[in-house]
N, C-alpha and C. Protein backbone atom coordinates (compact mmCIF):
# COMPACT_ATOMS: atom_id res chain seq x y z
N MET A 1 35.26 -55.73 -35.65
CA MET A 1 35.00 -55.03 -37.48
C MET A 1 35.45 -53.80 -37.91
N SER A 2 36.45 -53.66 -38.73
CA SER A 2 36.52 -52.00 -39.04
C SER A 2 35.62 -51.94 -40.15
N ILE A 3 35.42 -50.34 -40.20
CA ILE A 3 34.48 -50.33 -41.29
C ILE A 3 35.44 -49.77 -42.61
N ARG A 4 35.22 -50.36 -43.45
CA ARG A 4 35.93 -49.65 -45.17
C ARG A 4 35.47 -48.38 -45.18
N LYS A 5 35.95 -47.13 -45.63
CA LYS A 5 35.58 -46.27 -46.05
C LYS A 5 35.97 -46.31 -47.80
N LYS A 6 34.41 -45.63 -48.34
CA LYS A 6 34.58 -45.75 -49.89
C LYS A 6 34.31 -44.36 -50.26
N PHE A 7 34.37 -43.85 -51.34
CA PHE A 7 34.21 -42.57 -51.86
C PHE A 7 33.02 -42.77 -53.23
N GLU A 8 32.01 -42.14 -53.00
CA GLU A 8 31.12 -42.04 -54.11
C GLU A 8 31.71 -40.69 -54.81
N LYS A 9 31.12 -40.65 -56.21
CA LYS A 9 31.59 -39.36 -57.06
C LYS A 9 29.90 -39.45 -58.02
N ILE A 10 29.34 -38.57 -57.95
CA ILE A 10 27.84 -38.19 -59.00
C ILE A 10 27.90 -37.22 -59.65
N TRP A 11 28.04 -37.61 -60.80
CA TRP A 11 27.89 -36.44 -61.96
C TRP A 11 26.38 -35.76 -62.55
N ASN A 12 26.80 -34.83 -62.69
CA ASN A 12 25.34 -34.40 -63.14
C ASN A 12 25.54 -33.75 -64.59
N ALA A 13 24.69 -34.06 -65.29
CA ALA A 13 24.83 -33.99 -66.75
C ALA A 13 23.70 -33.33 -67.36
N ASP A 14 23.48 -32.58 -68.57
CA ASP A 14 22.27 -32.81 -69.80
C ASP A 14 22.56 -33.92 -70.86
N CYS A 15 21.94 -34.25 -71.87
CA CYS A 15 22.35 -35.28 -72.61
C CYS A 15 20.86 -34.87 -73.85
N ASN A 16 21.06 -34.92 -75.00
CA ASN A 16 20.22 -35.09 -75.56
C ASN A 16 20.09 -36.44 -76.39
N PHE A 17 18.84 -37.21 -76.54
CA PHE A 17 18.92 -38.16 -77.09
C PHE A 17 17.72 -38.46 -78.08
N ILE A 18 17.43 -39.70 -78.19
CA ILE A 18 16.63 -39.90 -79.77
C ILE A 18 15.62 -41.09 -78.92
N ALA A 19 14.50 -41.38 -78.65
CA ALA A 19 13.76 -42.13 -78.43
C ALA A 19 12.55 -42.74 -79.65
N LYS A 20 12.76 -44.21 -79.94
CA LYS A 20 11.88 -44.84 -81.47
C LYS A 20 11.32 -45.96 -80.48
N GLN A 21 9.69 -45.71 -81.17
CA GLN A 21 8.87 -46.67 -80.80
C GLN A 21 7.96 -46.98 -81.81
N GLN A 22 7.46 -47.83 -82.23
CA GLN A 22 6.64 -48.61 -83.66
C GLN A 22 5.45 -49.02 -82.64
N PHE A 23 4.40 -48.38 -83.52
CA PHE A 23 3.30 -48.60 -83.11
C PHE A 23 2.26 -49.16 -84.37
N ASP A 24 0.90 -49.58 -84.13
CA ASP A 24 0.22 -50.61 -84.67
C ASP A 24 -0.58 -49.56 -85.80
N SER A 25 -0.56 -48.07 -85.45
CA SER A 25 -1.75 -47.10 -85.73
C SER A 25 -1.19 -45.79 -85.50
N LEU A 26 -1.97 -44.80 -86.40
CA LEU A 26 -1.30 -43.61 -86.43
C LEU A 26 -1.77 -42.88 -85.15
N ASP A 27 -3.24 -43.25 -84.80
CA ASP A 27 -4.32 -43.35 -83.26
C ASP A 27 -3.43 -43.23 -81.88
N ALA A 28 -2.76 -44.68 -82.24
CA ALA A 28 -1.90 -45.02 -81.21
C ALA A 28 -0.61 -44.11 -80.72
N ALA A 29 -0.13 -43.56 -81.93
CA ALA A 29 1.25 -43.03 -82.02
C ALA A 29 0.71 -41.72 -81.09
N ALA A 30 -0.32 -41.11 -81.76
CA ALA A 30 -0.70 -39.86 -81.20
C ALA A 30 -0.92 -39.66 -80.03
N LYS A 31 -1.88 -40.89 -79.36
CA LYS A 31 -2.24 -40.90 -77.77
C LYS A 31 -0.62 -41.03 -76.66
N GLN A 32 0.68 -41.81 -77.16
CA GLN A 32 1.41 -41.55 -76.81
C GLN A 32 2.31 -40.57 -76.37
N VAL A 33 2.45 -40.13 -74.92
CA VAL A 33 2.60 -38.99 -74.71
C VAL A 33 4.22 -38.97 -74.24
N VAL A 34 4.63 -39.54 -73.87
CA VAL A 34 6.47 -39.82 -73.73
C VAL A 34 6.32 -41.46 -74.09
N PRO A 35 7.72 -41.71 -74.29
CA PRO A 35 8.20 -43.16 -74.39
C PRO A 35 7.77 -44.34 -73.39
N SER A 36 7.32 -45.01 -74.02
CA SER A 36 7.16 -46.56 -73.03
C SER A 36 8.49 -47.42 -72.93
N SER A 37 8.56 -48.30 -72.27
CA SER A 37 9.54 -49.47 -72.01
C SER A 37 9.75 -49.93 -73.45
N ALA A 38 8.93 -49.98 -74.10
CA ALA A 38 9.09 -50.52 -75.38
C ALA A 38 10.24 -49.43 -76.36
N ALA A 39 10.22 -48.49 -75.84
CA ALA A 39 11.04 -47.77 -77.06
C ALA A 39 12.05 -47.65 -76.78
N VAL A 40 13.33 -47.68 -77.88
CA VAL A 40 14.79 -47.52 -77.94
C VAL A 40 14.98 -46.44 -77.69
N ILE A 41 16.01 -46.01 -76.91
CA ILE A 41 16.36 -44.66 -76.68
C ILE A 41 17.94 -44.94 -76.65
N THR A 42 18.27 -43.85 -77.66
CA THR A 42 19.94 -43.80 -77.75
C THR A 42 20.42 -42.67 -77.52
N VAL A 43 21.64 -42.29 -76.77
CA VAL A 43 22.32 -41.49 -76.53
C VAL A 43 23.25 -41.20 -76.83
N SER A 44 23.63 -40.47 -77.44
CA SER A 44 25.22 -40.07 -78.37
C SER A 44 26.48 -39.55 -77.23
N ASP A 45 27.17 -40.15 -76.98
CA ASP A 45 28.42 -39.82 -76.23
C ASP A 45 28.54 -38.51 -76.32
N ASN A 46 28.76 -37.80 -77.67
CA ASN A 46 29.57 -36.09 -77.95
C ASN A 46 27.84 -35.41 -77.52
N ASN A 47 26.96 -35.94 -77.09
CA ASN A 47 25.86 -35.27 -77.08
C ASN A 47 25.72 -34.43 -75.23
N ILE A 48 26.62 -35.11 -74.50
CA ILE A 48 26.70 -35.32 -73.20
C ILE A 48 27.10 -33.94 -72.46
N ARG A 49 26.82 -33.37 -71.90
CA ARG A 49 27.22 -31.76 -71.01
C ARG A 49 27.09 -32.07 -69.40
N TYR A 50 28.75 -32.26 -69.16
CA TYR A 50 28.58 -32.35 -67.97
C TYR A 50 28.31 -30.95 -67.02
N GLN A 51 28.14 -30.80 -66.29
CA GLN A 51 27.64 -29.65 -65.51
C GLN A 51 28.20 -29.63 -64.13
N HIS A 52 28.20 -30.72 -63.32
CA HIS A 52 29.09 -30.45 -61.86
C HIS A 52 29.10 -31.99 -61.53
N SER A 53 30.00 -32.22 -60.90
CA SER A 53 30.07 -33.46 -59.64
C SER A 53 30.48 -33.28 -58.46
N THR A 54 29.77 -34.06 -57.57
CA THR A 54 30.09 -34.34 -56.20
C THR A 54 30.97 -35.51 -56.03
N ILE A 55 31.44 -35.37 -54.59
CA ILE A 55 31.99 -36.48 -54.00
C ILE A 55 31.55 -36.68 -52.28
N LYS A 56 31.72 -37.72 -52.23
CA LYS A 56 30.55 -37.87 -50.93
C LYS A 56 31.59 -39.41 -49.72
N GLU A 57 31.69 -39.31 -48.76
CA GLU A 57 32.53 -40.33 -48.32
C GLU A 57 30.83 -41.30 -47.80
N VAL A 58 31.35 -42.26 -48.24
CA VAL A 58 30.28 -43.55 -47.86
C VAL A 58 30.76 -44.41 -46.73
N ASN A 59 29.92 -45.29 -45.98
CA ASN A 59 30.68 -46.28 -44.95
C ASN A 59 30.02 -47.40 -45.75
N TYR A 60 30.56 -48.45 -45.57
CA TYR A 60 30.74 -49.54 -46.90
C TYR A 60 30.99 -50.54 -45.60
N ASP A 61 30.32 -51.25 -44.60
CA ASP A 61 30.81 -52.37 -43.83
C ASP A 61 30.12 -53.71 -44.24
N ASN A 62 29.10 -53.35 -45.31
CA ASN A 62 28.62 -54.87 -45.97
C ASN A 62 27.41 -55.68 -45.19
N THR A 63 27.29 -55.19 -43.87
CA THR A 63 26.71 -56.12 -42.89
C THR A 63 25.22 -55.32 -42.53
N LEU A 64 24.14 -55.98 -42.19
CA LEU A 64 22.93 -55.90 -41.41
C LEU A 64 22.61 -55.24 -40.42
N PRO A 65 21.86 -54.79 -39.77
CA PRO A 65 22.04 -54.12 -38.54
C PRO A 65 21.75 -55.19 -37.59
N THR A 66 22.24 -55.59 -36.76
CA THR A 66 22.12 -56.80 -35.58
C THR A 66 21.12 -56.30 -34.80
N PRO A 67 19.97 -57.32 -34.48
CA PRO A 67 18.84 -57.47 -33.52
C PRO A 67 19.67 -56.52 -31.79
N GLY A 68 18.65 -55.68 -31.77
CA GLY A 68 19.21 -55.00 -30.32
C GLY A 68 19.94 -53.72 -30.44
N ARG A 69 20.05 -53.35 -31.69
CA ARG A 69 20.39 -51.98 -31.83
C ARG A 69 19.54 -51.31 -31.84
N LYS A 70 20.06 -50.08 -30.91
CA LYS A 70 18.93 -49.06 -30.42
C LYS A 70 18.81 -48.07 -31.70
N ASN A 71 17.67 -48.09 -31.60
CA ASN A 71 17.05 -46.98 -33.14
C ASN A 71 17.65 -45.94 -33.27
N PRO A 72 18.27 -45.63 -34.13
CA PRO A 72 18.88 -43.82 -33.86
C PRO A 72 17.77 -42.62 -33.80
N GLY A 73 16.34 -43.05 -34.40
CA GLY A 73 15.59 -42.27 -34.38
C GLY A 73 14.74 -41.77 -33.48
N GLU A 74 14.75 -43.03 -32.38
CA GLU A 74 14.42 -43.43 -30.79
C GLU A 74 14.98 -41.67 -29.83
N GLY A 75 14.63 -41.03 -28.76
CA GLY A 75 15.78 -40.46 -27.64
C GLY A 75 14.76 -39.39 -27.41
N LYS A 76 15.78 -38.78 -26.22
CA LYS A 76 14.78 -37.74 -25.86
C LYS A 76 14.61 -36.23 -27.35
N ARG A 77 13.14 -35.67 -27.30
CA ARG A 77 12.83 -34.94 -27.94
C ARG A 77 12.66 -33.47 -27.03
N GLU A 78 13.05 -32.36 -27.51
CA GLU A 78 12.85 -31.12 -27.25
C GLU A 78 11.87 -30.19 -27.82
N LYS A 79 10.73 -29.68 -27.37
CA LYS A 79 10.14 -28.91 -28.78
C LYS A 79 11.01 -27.16 -28.36
N LYS A 80 11.26 -27.05 -29.50
CA LYS A 80 11.82 -25.80 -29.86
C LYS A 80 10.97 -24.51 -29.60
N SER A 81 9.38 -24.56 -30.44
CA SER A 81 8.91 -23.60 -30.19
C SER A 81 7.20 -23.56 -29.94
N GLN A 82 6.72 -23.12 -29.53
CA GLN A 82 5.37 -22.95 -29.14
C GLN A 82 4.48 -22.21 -29.83
N HIS A 83 3.24 -22.72 -30.63
CA HIS A 83 2.20 -22.37 -31.54
C HIS A 83 1.27 -21.56 -30.72
N LYS A 84 1.47 -19.91 -31.46
CA LYS A 84 0.47 -19.15 -30.59
C LYS A 84 -1.05 -19.19 -30.75
N ASN A 85 -2.09 -19.23 -30.19
CA ASN A 85 -3.15 -19.05 -30.90
C ASN A 85 -3.60 -17.48 -30.93
N SER A 86 -4.15 -17.59 -32.23
CA SER A 86 -4.41 -16.28 -32.92
C SER A 86 -5.60 -15.44 -32.87
N GLU A 87 -6.46 -16.19 -32.33
CA GLU A 87 -7.70 -16.24 -32.25
C GLU A 87 -8.26 -15.26 -31.30
N THR A 88 -8.91 -14.05 -31.66
CA THR A 88 -9.18 -13.11 -30.98
C THR A 88 -10.61 -12.87 -30.10
């Protein structure tokens, strides 16, 4: 089975948006700090400011791990440093 290579590009950007939500009372509207899922959020295309983008290669073989494969987290571990007892 061959693994097909794919490339993923991610854009980072800032944008302005308008969120509108209706409430039954002034008190309910005042208590709502951020828009909920009931809000209608509108982003204008001309308000998007792209900062940078990155491209990385991703493996796409569209398969699940097969039983019996070794866990990549298992293996020999080596202690790199030793804690010193600071008590005097």
